[in-house]
Amino acid sequence: CTSDSKACACCLIEQRLHRLETIVNKTLQKLTDDVTSINATLNFINGCNFAFSASFTGCSGPHTVNKTIVYENTFLNYGDAYDTSTGIFTAPKKGVYSFTFTVQVDISFSTTYTKLFTVLEKTGVPIVMTKDTSNIDQDDSSTNSAILHLEPGDTVQVKLVAGSKICGDKNNYNTFSGFLVFPLN
């Protein structure tokens, strides 16, 4: 700006417009980065929906070794992480998962004393157990649950302990359920 007042005013307006344009562009870039980050988080969370619930309706045991209970009737298997042919849940994502299982035996299916011991295993390691015996009453059942940190590929299953027996029917007394509580990065 020299002596021409009109040119000086135009210069000042142009400088202010340039500063405003810089501020708007920086703000727009930050908002774009934030939207990108939010979309990535939503995609991560949407890819982490896993839940299953299944029942066992037959009889199994007693066996000479611990044997996986194959809960063959699924009520829900969202994300297909539970295998109805093996009875094994395989973690597809790293996260915190919740599992619950209930087992039952009816002594009318057996003419002798029956014990009911089961174990929830995480990748072959015992985590929690149930224990009950049919010695006075006709029906016995047990329930247990666990919240576990799982890595992709970790497995969770319920095993009938050697010498134990379970029996169920269409009423779905024997169940195994699990779901992802929250994913971890």
Protein backbone atom coordinates (compact mmCIF):
# COMPACT_ATOMS: atom_id res chain seq x y z
CA CYS A 1 0.00 0.00 0.00
CA THR A 2 1.37 3.28 -1.01
CA SER A 3 -0.39 6.58 -1.19
CA ASP A 4 -3.47 5.22 -2.96
CA SER A 5 -6.01 4.60 -0.18
CA LYS A 6 -8.23 2.45 -2.39
CA ALA A 7 -5.30 0.15 -3.25
CA CYS A 8 -4.31 0.00 0.42
CA ALA A 9 -7.83 -1.09 1.48
CA CYS A 10 -7.85 -3.73 -1.24
CA CYS A 11 -4.48 -5.05 -0.04
CA LEU A 12 -5.74 -5.33 3.54
CA ILE A 13 -8.91 -7.10 2.45
CA GLU A 14 -6.88 -9.49 0.28
CA GLN A 15 -4.54 -10.28 3.20
CA ARG A 16 -7.46 -10.92 5.55
CA LEU A 17 -9.19 -13.10 2.97
CA HIS A 18 -5.99 -15.10 2.53
CA ARG A 19 -5.71 -15.61 6.32
CA LEU A 20 -9.38 -16.67 6.52
CA GLU A 21 -8.89 -19.04 3.59
CA THR A 22 -5.91 -20.63 5.40
CA ILE A 23 -7.94 -21.03 8.62
CA VAL A 24 -10.92 -22.53 6.74
CA ASN A 25 -8.66 -24.96 4.85
CA LYS A 26 -6.94 -26.12 8.07
CA THR A 27 -10.32 -26.56 9.79
CA LEU A 28 -11.69 -28.45 6.80
CA GLN A 29 -8.64 -30.74 6.77
CA LYS A 30 -9.03 -31.45 10.51
CA LEU A 31 -12.73 -32.25 10.05
CA THR A 32 -11.91 -34.55 7.12
CA ASP A 33 -9.28 -36.34 9.23
CA ASP A 34 -11.78 -36.70 12.10
CA VAL A 35 -14.45 -38.16 9.78
CA THR A 36 -11.89 -40.61 8.38
CA SER A 37 -10.92 -41.70 11.90
CA ILE A 38 -14.56 -42.09 12.96
CA ASN A 39 -15.32 -44.16 9.85
CA ALA A 40 -12.34 -46.42 10.54
CA THR A 41 -13.54 -46.93 14.14
CA LEU A 42 -17.09 -47.70 12.98
CA ASN A 43 -15.80 -50.18 10.40
CA PHE A 44 -13.73 -51.88 13.11
CA ILE A 45 -16.70 -52.09 15.49
CA ASN A 46 -19.13 -53.23 12.78
CA GLY A 47 -16.75 -56.05 11.88
CA CYS A 48 -16.80 -57.27 15.49
CA ASN A 49 -20.31 -58.56 16.03
CA PHE A 50 -20.08 -62.13 17.29
CA ALA A 51 -22.61 -64.02 19.39
CA PHE A 52 -23.81 -67.59 19.60
CA SER A 53 -26.14 -69.74 21.66
CA ALA A 54 -26.58 -73.47 21.19
CA SER A 55 -28.01 -76.51 22.92
CA PHE A 56 -27.21 -80.22 23.26
CA THR A 57 -30.27 -82.47 23.28
CA GLY A 58 -28.88 -86.01 23.38
CA CYS A 59 -26.95 -88.04 25.93
CA SER A 60 -23.19 -88.29 26.20
CA GLY A 61 -20.94 -90.26 28.51
CA PRO A 62 -19.58 -91.61 30.55
CA HIS A 63 -16.33 -91.55 28.57
CA THR A 64 -12.83 -92.65 29.57
CA VAL A 65 -11.35 -89.25 28.58
CA ASN A 66 -12.58 -85.67 28.65
CA LYS A 67 -14.76 -85.09 25.60
CA THR A 68 -15.95 -81.86 23.96
CA ILE A 69 -19.71 -81.42 24.17
CA VAL A 70 -21.01 -80.64 20.70
CA TYR A 71 -23.94 -78.28 21.15
CA GLU A 72 -25.51 -79.02 17.79
CA ASN A 73 -28.72 -76.95 17.88
CA THR A 74 -28.00 -73.25 17.41
CA PHE A 75 -30.45 -70.57 18.41
CA LEU A 76 -28.04 -67.91 17.15
CA ASN A 77 -24.62 -67.99 15.50
CA TYR A 78 -24.02 -64.41 14.46
CA GLY A 79 -20.61 -64.14 12.83
CA ASP A 80 -20.33 -67.96 12.45
CA ALA A 81 -17.55 -68.27 15.05
CA TYR A 82 -19.16 -71.30 16.75
CA ASP A 83 -18.74 -74.62 14.91
CA THR A 84 -21.76 -76.91 15.42
CA SER A 85 -19.83 -79.92 14.12
CA THR A 86 -17.02 -79.63 16.70
CA GLY A 87 -18.59 -77.69 19.60
CA ILE A 88 -15.73 -75.18 19.46
CA PHE A 89 -15.90 -71.38 19.40
CA THR A 90 -12.92 -69.80 17.61
CA ALA A 91 -12.25 -66.13 18.29
CA PRO A 92 -12.20 -64.22 15.02
CA LYS A 93 -11.02 -60.97 16.62
CA LYS A 94 -8.99 -59.86 19.60
CA GLY A 95 -11.32 -58.85 22.38
CA VAL A 96 -13.08 -59.54 25.64
CA TYR A 97 -15.71 -62.29 25.39
CA SER A 98 -18.36 -63.61 27.75
CA PHE A 99 -19.30 -67.31 27.95
CA THR A 100 -21.98 -69.17 29.89
CA PHE A 101 -22.81 -72.86 29.94
CA THR A 102 -25.40 -75.01 31.67
CA VAL A 103 -25.34 -78.80 31.86
CA GLN A 104 -27.99 -81.19 33.14
CA VAL A 105 -28.42 -84.89 33.79
CA ASP A 106 -31.60 -86.78 34.57
CA ILE A 107 -30.95 -89.93 36.62
CA SER A 108 -33.88 -91.62 34.87
CA PHE A 109 -31.53 -91.94 31.88
CA SER A 110 -29.11 -93.94 34.03
CA THR A 111 -29.56 -96.91 36.35
CA THR A 112 -26.52 -96.05 38.45
CA TYR A 113 -25.01 -93.12 40.32
CA THR A 114 -24.14 -90.39 37.84
CA LYS A 115 -21.64 -87.59 38.21
CA LEU A 116 -21.78 -84.39 36.22
CA PHE A 117 -18.44 -82.60 35.91
CA THR A 118 -17.67 -80.22 33.05
CA VAL A 119 -14.92 -77.77 32.27
CA LEU A 120 -14.78 -74.64 30.09
CA GLU A 121 -11.43 -74.57 28.31
CA LYS A 122 -9.65 -71.70 26.58
CA THR A 123 -7.31 -73.10 23.94
CA GLY A 124 -6.94 -76.33 25.93
CA VAL A 125 -6.47 -74.67 29.33
CA PRO A 126 -9.17 -75.23 31.99
CA ILE A 127 -10.79 -71.96 33.08
CA VAL A 128 -13.94 -72.80 35.10
CA MET A 129 -15.71 -76.02 36.04
CA THR A 130 -19.09 -77.32 37.15
CA LYS A 131 -19.71 -80.21 39.52
CA ASP A 132 -22.86 -82.05 40.56
CA THR A 133 -23.86 -85.61 41.33
CA SER A 134 -27.10 -87.55 40.97
CA ASN A 135 -27.32 -89.46 44.18
CA ILE A 136 -30.55 -88.37 45.89
CA ASP A 137 -32.69 -86.33 43.51
CA GLN A 138 -33.59 -87.18 39.93
CA ASP A 139 -32.31 -84.08 38.11
CA ASP A 140 -29.03 -82.27 38.55
CA SER A 141 -27.71 -79.26 36.71
CA SER A 142 -24.84 -76.81 36.93
CA THR A 143 -24.08 -73.44 35.40
CA ASN A 144 -20.90 -71.44 35.18
CA SER A 145 -19.60 -68.47 33.23
CA ALA A 146 -16.37 -66.66 32.43
CA ILE A 147 -15.26 -63.43 30.83
CA LEU A 148 -12.10 -64.02 28.83
CA HIS A 149 -9.53 -62.05 26.87
CA LEU A 150 -9.11 -63.84 23.53
CA GLU A 151 -6.71 -63.40 20.67
CA PRO A 152 -7.69 -64.30 17.09
CA GLY A 153 -7.66 -68.10 16.75
CA ASP A 154 -8.09 -68.82 20.48
CA THR A 155 -10.70 -71.52 21.07
CA VAL A 156 -13.30 -72.00 23.78
CA GLN A 157 -15.19 -75.22 24.41
CA VAL A 158 -17.02 -77.10 27.12
CA LYS A 159 -15.77 -80.60 27.90
CA LEU A 160 -17.50 -83.41 29.73
CA VAL A 161 -14.97 -84.72 32.26
CA ALA A 162 -14.11 -88.43 32.04
CA GLY A 163 -16.63 -90.56 33.90
CA SER A 164 -19.39 -87.94 33.68
CA LYS A 165 -22.66 -88.07 31.84
CA ILE A 166 -25.11 -85.47 30.50
CA CYS A 167 -28.54 -85.93 28.99
CA GLY A 168 -30.94 -83.48 27.49
CA ASP A 169 -34.01 -83.33 25.32
CA LYS A 170 -36.01 -80.91 23.21
CA ASN A 171 -36.35 -78.61 26.25
CA ASN A 172 -32.72 -77.48 25.77
CA TYR A 173 -31.41 -77.99 29.31
CA ASN A 174 -27.79 -78.13 28.11
CA THR A 175 -26.69 -74.83 26.61
CA PHE A 176 -23.50 -73.00 25.66
CA SER A 177 -23.53 -69.27 24.79
CA GLY A 178 -20.97 -66.59 24.14
CA PHE A 179 -20.55 -63.14 22.73
CA LEU A 180 -17.98 -60.41 22.15
CA VAL A 181 -18.26 -57.84 24.95
CA PHE A 182 -15.90 -55.40 23.24
CA PRO A 183 -13.09 -55.58 20.66
CA LEU A 184 -9.48 -54.67 21.40
CA ASN A 185 -6.96 -53.17 18.99
